[in-house]
N, C-alpha and C. Protein backbone atom coordinates (compact mmCIF):
# COMPACT_ATOMS: atom_id res chain seq x y z
N MET A 1 84.32 115.63 116.31
CA MET A 1 84.58 114.21 116.19
C MET A 1 83.54 113.62 115.25
N ARG A 2 84.00 112.76 114.37
CA ARG A 2 83.11 112.06 113.44
C ARG A 2 83.20 110.57 113.75
N ARG A 3 82.10 109.88 113.65
CA ARG A 3 82.07 108.45 113.96
C ARG A 3 81.40 107.70 112.83
N TRP A 4 81.97 106.55 112.48
CA TRP A 4 81.41 105.70 111.44
C TRP A 4 81.34 104.27 111.93
N ARG A 5 80.34 103.56 111.50
CA ARG A 5 80.29 102.12 111.65
C ARG A 5 81.14 101.56 110.53
N SER A 6 81.81 100.49 110.81
CA SER A 6 82.70 99.91 109.82
C SER A 6 82.00 98.85 108.99
N ARG A 7 80.70 98.96 108.87
CA ARG A 7 79.89 98.01 108.11
C ARG A 7 79.92 96.60 108.68
N THR A 8 80.30 96.49 109.93
CA THR A 8 80.14 95.25 110.66
C THR A 8 79.63 95.64 112.03
N SER A 9 79.05 94.72 112.72
CA SER A 9 78.54 95.07 114.05
C SER A 9 79.66 95.12 115.07
N ALA A 10 80.83 94.57 114.74
CA ALA A 10 81.90 94.47 115.72
C ALA A 10 82.95 95.58 115.63
N CYS A 11 83.01 96.31 114.53
CA CYS A 11 84.07 97.30 114.34
C CYS A 11 83.51 98.67 114.02
N GLU A 12 84.15 99.68 114.59
CA GLU A 12 83.80 101.05 114.26
C GLU A 12 85.04 101.91 114.41
N PHE A 13 84.96 103.12 113.92
CA PHE A 13 86.08 104.04 114.05
C PHE A 13 85.55 105.46 114.07
N CYS A 14 86.36 106.35 114.61
CA CYS A 14 85.99 107.75 114.63
C CYS A 14 87.25 108.57 114.41
N THR A 15 87.08 109.80 113.98
CA THR A 15 88.22 110.70 113.80
C THR A 15 87.96 111.98 114.55
N ARG A 16 89.03 112.63 114.91
CA ARG A 16 88.92 113.96 115.49
C ARG A 16 90.14 114.74 115.09
N ARG A 17 89.99 116.01 115.00
CA ARG A 17 91.10 116.90 114.64
C ARG A 17 91.85 117.22 115.93
N ALA A 18 93.12 116.83 115.97
CA ALA A 18 93.93 117.07 117.16
C ALA A 18 94.42 118.52 117.20
N THR A 19 94.82 119.04 116.07
CA THR A 19 95.20 120.44 115.94
C THR A 19 94.63 120.90 114.61
N ARG A 20 94.94 122.09 114.19
CA ARG A 20 94.43 122.57 112.91
C ARG A 20 94.86 121.68 111.75
N ARG A 21 96.05 121.13 111.83
CA ARG A 21 96.58 120.36 110.71
C ARG A 21 96.52 118.85 110.93
N ASP A 22 96.55 118.42 112.15
CA ASP A 22 96.64 116.99 112.42
C ASP A 22 95.29 116.37 112.65
N ARG A 23 95.21 115.13 112.31
CA ARG A 23 94.02 114.33 112.61
C ARG A 23 94.48 113.05 113.26
N CYS A 24 93.60 112.46 114.01
CA CYS A 24 93.89 111.13 114.52
C CYS A 24 92.62 110.30 114.38
N ALA A 25 92.82 109.04 114.18
CA ALA A 25 91.70 108.12 114.02
C ALA A 25 91.80 107.07 115.10
N PHE A 26 90.70 106.77 115.72
CA PHE A 26 90.62 105.72 116.72
C PHE A 26 89.85 104.59 116.07
N SER A 27 90.44 103.40 116.05
CA SER A 27 89.86 102.35 115.22
C SER A 27 89.88 100.98 115.86
N SER A 28 88.81 100.26 115.67
CA SER A 28 88.81 98.83 115.97
C SER A 28 88.71 98.06 114.65
N ALA A 29 88.85 98.80 113.54
CA ALA A 29 88.81 98.19 112.21
C ALA A 29 90.20 98.05 111.62
N LEU A 30 91.06 99.05 111.81
CA LEU A 30 92.39 99.06 111.23
C LEU A 30 93.44 99.02 112.34
N PHE A 31 94.36 98.09 112.23
CA PHE A 31 95.46 97.94 113.19
C PHE A 31 96.77 98.01 112.43
N GLN A 32 97.87 98.18 113.15
CA GLN A 32 99.16 98.18 112.47
C GLN A 32 99.35 96.85 111.78
N ARG A 33 99.40 96.87 110.46
CA ARG A 33 99.58 95.70 109.59
C ARG A 33 98.49 94.64 109.78
N GLY A 34 97.30 95.08 110.17
CA GLY A 34 96.21 94.14 110.35
C GLY A 34 94.85 94.83 110.29
N ILE A 35 93.81 94.03 110.47
CA ILE A 35 92.44 94.55 110.51
C ILE A 35 91.74 93.95 111.72
N GLY A 36 90.57 94.49 112.02
CA GLY A 36 89.79 93.98 113.13
C GLY A 36 89.30 92.57 112.88
N ARG A 37 88.90 91.91 113.93
CA ARG A 37 88.43 90.53 113.82
C ARG A 37 87.14 90.45 113.01
N THR A 38 87.10 89.47 112.16
CA THR A 38 85.89 89.26 111.36
C THR A 38 85.28 87.89 111.62
N ASP A 39 85.85 87.17 112.58
CA ASP A 39 85.33 85.84 112.90
C ASP A 39 84.24 85.91 113.98
N LEU A 40 83.97 87.09 114.50
CA LEU A 40 82.93 87.26 115.52
C LEU A 40 81.57 87.42 114.84
N PRO A 41 80.49 87.21 115.58
CA PRO A 41 79.16 87.38 114.98
C PRO A 41 79.02 88.77 114.35
N GLY A 42 78.54 88.80 113.12
CA GLY A 42 78.37 90.06 112.41
C GLY A 42 79.60 90.49 111.64
N GLY A 43 80.72 89.80 111.82
CA GLY A 43 81.95 90.16 111.13
C GLY A 43 81.91 89.77 109.66
N ASP A 44 82.53 90.57 108.83
CA ASP A 44 82.55 90.33 107.39
C ASP A 44 83.81 90.96 106.81
N THR A 45 84.73 90.13 106.34
CA THR A 45 86.01 90.63 105.84
C THR A 45 85.82 91.61 104.69
N GLN A 46 84.97 91.29 103.75
CA GLN A 46 84.76 92.19 102.60
C GLN A 46 84.24 93.55 103.04
N LYS A 47 83.36 93.57 104.00
CA LYS A 47 82.78 94.83 104.46
C LYS A 47 83.80 95.69 105.21
N ILE A 48 84.62 95.05 106.04
CA ILE A 48 85.61 95.84 106.79
C ILE A 48 86.67 96.40 105.85
N VAL A 49 87.08 95.62 104.86
CA VAL A 49 88.06 96.10 103.87
C VAL A 49 87.46 97.25 103.06
N PHE A 50 86.21 97.12 102.67
CA PHE A 50 85.52 98.20 101.94
C PHE A 50 85.52 99.48 102.77
N SER A 51 85.19 99.37 104.04
CA SER A 51 85.12 100.55 104.91
C SER A 51 86.48 101.20 105.12
N ILE A 52 87.52 100.39 105.30
CA ILE A 52 88.86 100.95 105.48
C ILE A 52 89.27 101.71 104.23
N ARG A 53 89.07 101.11 103.08
CA ARG A 53 89.47 101.77 101.83
C ARG A 53 88.65 103.02 101.53
N ASN A 54 87.37 102.99 101.83
CA ASN A 54 86.49 104.08 101.42
C ASN A 54 86.26 105.15 102.48
N VAL A 55 86.72 104.92 103.70
CA VAL A 55 86.60 105.95 104.73
C VAL A 55 87.99 106.30 105.27
N LEU A 56 88.66 105.35 105.89
CA LEU A 56 89.94 105.66 106.51
C LEU A 56 91.02 106.03 105.49
N TYR A 57 91.12 105.30 104.40
CA TYR A 57 92.16 105.58 103.41
C TYR A 57 91.91 106.89 102.65
N ARG A 58 90.79 107.53 102.88
CA ARG A 58 90.52 108.84 102.28
C ARG A 58 90.96 109.98 103.20
N LEU A 59 91.39 109.63 104.40
CA LEU A 59 91.93 110.64 105.32
C LEU A 59 93.33 111.03 104.84
N PRO A 60 93.86 112.17 105.29
CA PRO A 60 95.22 112.55 104.91
C PRO A 60 96.23 111.46 105.30
N PRO A 61 97.26 111.26 104.48
CA PRO A 61 98.22 110.19 104.72
C PRO A 61 98.91 110.23 106.08
N LYS A 62 99.12 111.40 106.62
CA LYS A 62 99.83 111.53 107.91
C LYS A 62 98.90 111.34 109.11
N THR A 63 97.64 111.05 108.87
CA THR A 63 96.69 110.81 109.97
C THR A 63 97.19 109.66 110.83
N VAL A 64 97.27 109.90 112.12
CA VAL A 64 97.70 108.86 113.07
C VAL A 64 96.50 108.01 113.44
N VAL A 65 96.69 106.69 113.42
CA VAL A 65 95.64 105.75 113.79
C VAL A 65 96.00 105.13 115.12
N TYR A 66 95.08 105.22 116.07
CA TYR A 66 95.24 104.59 117.37
C TYR A 66 94.25 103.43 117.44
N PRO A 67 94.72 102.21 117.23
CA PRO A 67 93.82 101.07 117.27
C PRO A 67 93.37 100.76 118.70
N GLY A 68 92.40 99.87 118.80
CA GLY A 68 91.89 99.47 120.11
C GLY A 68 92.96 98.89 121.01
N HIS A 69 93.99 98.31 120.43
CA HIS A 69 95.15 97.82 121.16
C HIS A 69 96.32 97.71 120.20
N GLY A 70 97.51 97.64 120.72
CA GLY A 70 98.70 97.56 119.88
C GLY A 70 99.23 98.94 119.54
N PRO A 71 100.33 98.97 118.77
CA PRO A 71 100.98 100.24 118.46
C PRO A 71 100.17 101.11 117.50
N SER A 72 100.42 102.41 117.55
CA SER A 72 99.78 103.32 116.61
C SER A 72 100.47 103.21 115.26
N THR A 73 99.84 103.76 114.25
CA THR A 73 100.36 103.72 112.89
C THR A 73 99.82 104.95 112.16
N THR A 74 100.07 105.05 110.88
CA THR A 74 99.50 106.14 110.09
C THR A 74 98.75 105.55 108.90
N ILE A 75 97.89 106.35 108.33
CA ILE A 75 97.16 105.92 107.13
C ILE A 75 98.17 105.59 106.03
N GLU A 76 99.16 106.43 105.87
CA GLU A 76 100.18 106.22 104.83
C GLU A 76 100.89 104.88 104.99
N GLU A 77 101.31 104.56 106.21
CA GLU A 77 102.00 103.29 106.46
C GLU A 77 101.11 102.10 106.11
N GLU A 78 99.85 102.17 106.52
CA GLU A 78 98.96 101.05 106.27
C GLU A 78 98.62 100.89 104.80
N MET A 79 98.50 102.01 104.09
CA MET A 79 98.24 101.92 102.66
C MET A 79 99.39 101.23 101.93
N LEU A 80 100.59 101.43 102.44
CA LEU A 80 101.78 100.83 101.82
C LEU A 80 102.09 99.43 102.33
N LEU A 81 101.85 99.17 103.61
CA LEU A 81 102.38 97.96 104.23
C LEU A 81 101.36 96.97 104.78
N ASN A 82 100.09 97.33 104.84
CA ASN A 82 99.11 96.41 105.42
C ASN A 82 98.78 95.32 104.43
N PRO A 83 99.11 94.06 104.75
CA PRO A 83 98.86 92.96 103.79
C PRO A 83 97.38 92.64 103.60
N PHE A 84 96.52 93.05 104.51
CA PHE A 84 95.09 92.76 104.42
C PHE A 84 94.35 93.80 103.59
N VAL A 85 94.88 95.03 103.56
CA VAL A 85 94.19 96.12 102.87
C VAL A 85 95.20 96.99 102.12
N PRO A 86 95.84 96.45 101.10
CA PRO A 86 96.73 97.30 100.32
C PRO A 86 95.93 98.34 99.54
N ALA A 87 96.47 99.52 99.41
CA ALA A 87 95.74 100.62 98.79
C ALA A 87 95.52 100.42 97.31
N ASP A 88 96.34 99.63 96.66
CA ASP A 88 96.28 99.53 95.20
C ASP A 88 95.29 98.52 94.66
N ARG A 89 94.50 97.90 95.52
CA ARG A 89 93.54 96.90 95.03
C ARG A 89 92.14 97.44 95.01
């Protein structure tokens, strides 16, 4: 298991290999079509977006993300559909 701070005091994420080929990410930074809260003390939108793009979006596209609450998603889906962190910016 690997763990990273999301460059804010309020959000972090970790990954673990579920099988030889699969990975899953547990995140309070990336949610289905959203990101973690940045209005709390220590929150910073630019920092959380930087961390998602430079850590989570570098995981394999089929990596399943299990956010702190809400439905699961994949890195691929979020890179394509997340309005807060599109992959092309």
